[in-house]
Amino acid sequence: MKKAIAAMLTVMLLAGCTAQEEPVFETEGTVSPSVQVKPTAGEIGIWIPEGAVSEAMAEESGGEVYTWDSYELRLQTLEGGDIHRTLEQLTGMKYNDLTVMQRAKGELELYQTVWCTAGEDGTLIGKAVVADDGNYHYCVSLMSPEDVDSSEVYDRLCNTLAVVDPDAKK
C-alpha cells in the first residue's frame, strides 16, 4: 500500500513537469550584426624646428620626414595594438633588446626608447616616443650622429607632442 501511494504521488508530481515551448517571434527587414567602427586616426601635432626641410618618405608606411643640420625627424601613424611590433619596426631591433619607459600623458600612453645603429657616417643615436591612444600608434623618432647632443631637441619634441583630431580643423 505504501508503495502504491508513493507511486501515485510521484505520478502526480511529475504530471506538471512538461516542457514548455518558447514563443516564436518573427522579424521584418534585414538584421545586421553589430559592427564596431574604428575611429579615424588623429594627426601628430608637434614642434618642427625652423629650417627643417620636409623630405619624401620612401617607406610604405607613409608618414613624414624632416631634416635639418644633422638631424632626421620621422613622424608616422601606425595601427595600434602591439607596441612590441611598433617599436621593433621603428628601431630595427628586437623588443627584448630595448629598454622601454612607459608613462601616461593625458589620455595617451607614451612609450620611449633610445638605441644606436651604424650609419654611413658613423654611429647614429635614435630616440623614439610612441603615443598610444588605444587604436593607433603615433610615432616620433629622431636620429642624429653620436657626437651631437640631441637631448634639448628631443625633450622639446616630447613636450609638444599631441594627437590632434583631424575633424577639429574643419
Protein backbone atom coordinates (compact mmCIF):
# COMPACT_ATOMS: atom_id res chain seq x y z
CA MET A 1 0.00 0.00 0.00
CA LYS A 2 2.79 2.40 0.89
CA LYS A 3 4.42 1.64 -2.46
CA ALA A 4 1.18 2.34 -4.32
CA ILE A 5 0.71 5.68 -2.53
CA ALA A 6 4.36 6.66 -3.23
CA ALA A 7 3.93 5.73 -6.90
CA MET A 8 0.73 7.80 -7.17
CA LEU A 9 2.37 10.81 -5.53
CA THR A 10 5.32 10.56 -7.91
CA VAL A 11 3.00 10.38 -10.93
CA MET A 12 1.03 13.38 -9.68
CA LEU A 13 4.16 15.42 -9.03
CA LEU A 14 5.69 14.62 -12.38
CA ALA A 15 2.47 15.29 -14.28
CA GLY A 16 3.05 19.05 -14.02
CA CYS A 17 6.64 18.77 -15.33
CA THR A 18 6.11 19.08 -19.05
CA ALA A 19 8.43 21.08 -21.26
CA GLN A 20 7.00 24.40 -22.30
CA GLU A 21 7.68 25.70 -25.78
CA GLU A 22 9.30 29.10 -26.19
CA PRO A 23 7.23 31.53 -28.24
CA VAL A 24 8.49 32.11 -31.79
CA PHE A 25 8.97 35.69 -32.90
CA GLU A 26 9.41 36.85 -36.47
CA THR A 27 11.33 39.91 -37.58
CA GLU A 28 10.74 42.13 -40.53
CA GLY A 29 13.54 43.64 -42.55
CA THR A 30 17.24 42.88 -42.56
CA VAL A 31 19.02 42.26 -39.30
CA SER A 32 22.75 43.04 -39.47
CA PRO A 33 25.25 42.17 -36.79
CA SER A 34 26.65 44.96 -34.67
CA VAL A 35 29.75 46.34 -36.38
CA GLN A 36 32.41 48.20 -34.45
CA VAL A 37 33.78 51.11 -36.46
CA LYS A 38 37.37 52.07 -35.71
CA PRO A 39 37.74 55.82 -35.22
CA THR A 40 39.70 57.87 -37.73
CA ALA A 41 43.36 58.31 -36.84
CA GLY A 42 44.36 61.65 -35.43
CA GLU A 43 47.26 63.70 -36.68
CA ILE A 44 50.58 64.19 -34.94
CA GLY A 45 50.85 67.74 -33.67
CA ILE A 46 54.44 68.61 -32.80
CA TRP A 47 57.01 71.41 -32.85
CA ILE A 48 59.01 71.37 -36.08
CA PRO A 49 62.31 73.29 -35.87
CA GLU A 50 62.76 76.36 -38.03
CA GLY A 51 64.75 75.44 -41.11
CA ALA A 52 63.58 71.81 -41.13
CA VAL A 53 63.01 70.59 -44.67
CA SER A 54 60.26 68.09 -45.45
CA GLU A 55 61.59 65.09 -47.35
CA ALA A 56 59.72 62.42 -49.30
CA MET A 57 59.39 59.27 -47.19
CA ALA A 58 60.27 56.12 -49.12
CA GLU A 59 58.63 53.64 -46.77
CA GLU A 60 55.27 52.07 -47.49
CA SER A 61 54.02 53.02 -44.03
CA GLY A 62 53.83 56.64 -45.10
CA GLY A 63 54.47 59.47 -42.73
CA GLU A 64 56.70 62.49 -42.88
CA VAL A 65 60.47 63.03 -42.69
CA TYR A 66 62.12 66.32 -41.79
CA THR A 67 65.86 67.03 -41.92
CA TRP A 68 67.91 69.93 -40.60
CA ASP A 69 71.53 70.33 -39.52
CA SER A 70 72.49 66.73 -38.65
CA TYR A 71 69.03 65.61 -37.52
CA GLU A 72 66.38 63.43 -39.13
CA LEU A 73 62.85 63.51 -37.68
CA ARG A 74 60.26 60.90 -38.70
CA LEU A 75 56.53 61.13 -37.95
CA GLN A 76 54.39 58.05 -38.61
CA THR A 77 50.96 56.81 -37.63
CA LEU A 78 50.73 53.01 -37.40
CA GLU A 79 47.98 50.56 -36.45
CA GLY A 80 47.73 50.21 -32.68
CA GLY A 81 47.56 47.07 -30.62
CA ASP A 82 51.05 45.58 -30.48
CA ILE A 83 53.56 48.07 -29.05
CA HIS A 84 56.34 45.47 -29.36
CA ARG A 85 55.80 45.25 -33.14
CA THR A 86 55.71 49.04 -33.48
CA LEU A 87 58.94 49.60 -31.53
CA GLU A 88 60.69 46.83 -33.46
CA GLN A 89 59.58 48.46 -36.73
CA LEU A 90 60.82 51.90 -35.62
CA THR A 91 64.18 50.79 -34.24
CA GLY A 92 65.04 47.72 -36.30
CA MET A 93 65.79 45.92 -33.02
CA LYS A 94 64.05 43.14 -31.10
CA TYR A 95 61.79 44.46 -28.34
CA ASN A 96 63.64 42.41 -25.69
CA ASP A 97 66.88 44.21 -26.63
CA LEU A 98 65.35 47.64 -25.96
CA THR A 99 64.85 49.48 -22.71
CA VAL A 100 61.37 50.99 -22.88
CA MET A 101 59.96 53.55 -20.48
CA GLN A 102 56.19 53.96 -20.21
CA ARG A 103 54.19 56.87 -18.82
CA ALA A 104 50.80 58.49 -19.23
CA LYS A 105 50.21 61.90 -20.81
CA GLY A 106 46.54 62.79 -20.58
CA GLU A 107 44.59 60.02 -22.31
CA LEU A 108 47.70 58.77 -24.14
CA GLU A 109 50.20 56.11 -23.10
CA LEU A 110 53.73 57.12 -24.09
CA TYR A 111 56.50 54.59 -24.76
CA GLN A 112 60.06 55.90 -25.11
CA THR A 113 63.30 54.20 -26.08
CA VAL A 114 66.84 55.01 -27.23
CA TRP A 115 69.07 52.90 -29.48
CA CYS A 116 72.16 53.22 -31.64
CA THR A 117 72.94 51.99 -35.13
CA ALA A 118 75.88 52.07 -37.52
CA GLY A 119 75.43 54.50 -40.38
CA GLU A 120 77.48 55.52 -43.42
CA ASP A 121 78.99 58.43 -41.49
CA GLY A 122 79.45 56.63 -38.15
CA THR A 123 77.24 55.72 -35.24
CA LEU A 124 73.77 57.23 -35.09
CA ILE A 125 71.70 57.65 -31.93
CA GLY A 126 67.97 57.14 -32.27
CA LYS A 127 65.36 58.33 -29.82
CA ALA A 128 61.69 57.48 -30.19
CA VAL A 129 58.41 58.19 -28.47
CA VAL A 130 55.19 56.37 -29.36
CA ALA A 131 51.87 57.80 -28.23
CA ASP A 132 49.18 55.10 -27.97
CA ASP A 133 45.53 56.21 -27.94
CA GLY A 134 44.20 52.63 -27.86
CA ASN A 135 43.61 52.49 -31.62
CA TYR A 136 46.73 53.92 -33.25
CA HIS A 137 50.43 54.40 -32.51
CA TYR A 138 51.65 57.93 -33.22
CA CYS A 139 55.42 57.58 -33.69
CA VAL A 140 58.09 60.25 -33.44
CA SER A 141 61.72 59.24 -33.96
CA LEU A 142 64.81 61.43 -34.02
CA MET A 143 68.17 60.31 -35.44
CA SER A 144 71.45 62.17 -35.01
CA PRO A 145 75.18 61.41 -35.01
CA GLU A 146 76.54 60.21 -31.67
CA ASP A 147 78.67 63.36 -31.23
CA VAL A 148 75.57 65.63 -31.40
CA ASP A 149 73.75 66.30 -28.12
CA SER A 150 70.12 65.89 -29.17
CA SER A 151 68.62 65.96 -25.68
CA GLU A 152 67.21 69.52 -25.91
CA VAL A 153 65.64 68.90 -29.33
CA TYR A 154 64.21 65.54 -28.24
CA ASP A 155 62.81 66.99 -24.99
CA ARG A 156 61.07 69.77 -26.92
CA LEU A 157 59.60 67.23 -29.36
CA CYS A 158 58.26 65.11 -26.48
CA ASN A 159 56.86 68.12 -24.61
CA THR A 160 54.95 69.40 -27.63
CA LEU A 161 53.69 66.02 -28.87
CA ALA A 162 49.90 65.92 -29.17
CA VAL A 163 47.36 63.93 -31.14
CA VAL A 164 45.08 66.32 -32.98
CA ASP A 165 41.56 65.38 -34.09
CA PRO A 166 41.56 65.91 -37.89
CA ASP A 167 37.90 66.98 -37.77
CA ALA A 168 38.69 69.77 -35.29
CA LYS A 169 40.47 71.71 -38.06
CA LYS A 170 37.33 71.99 -40.20
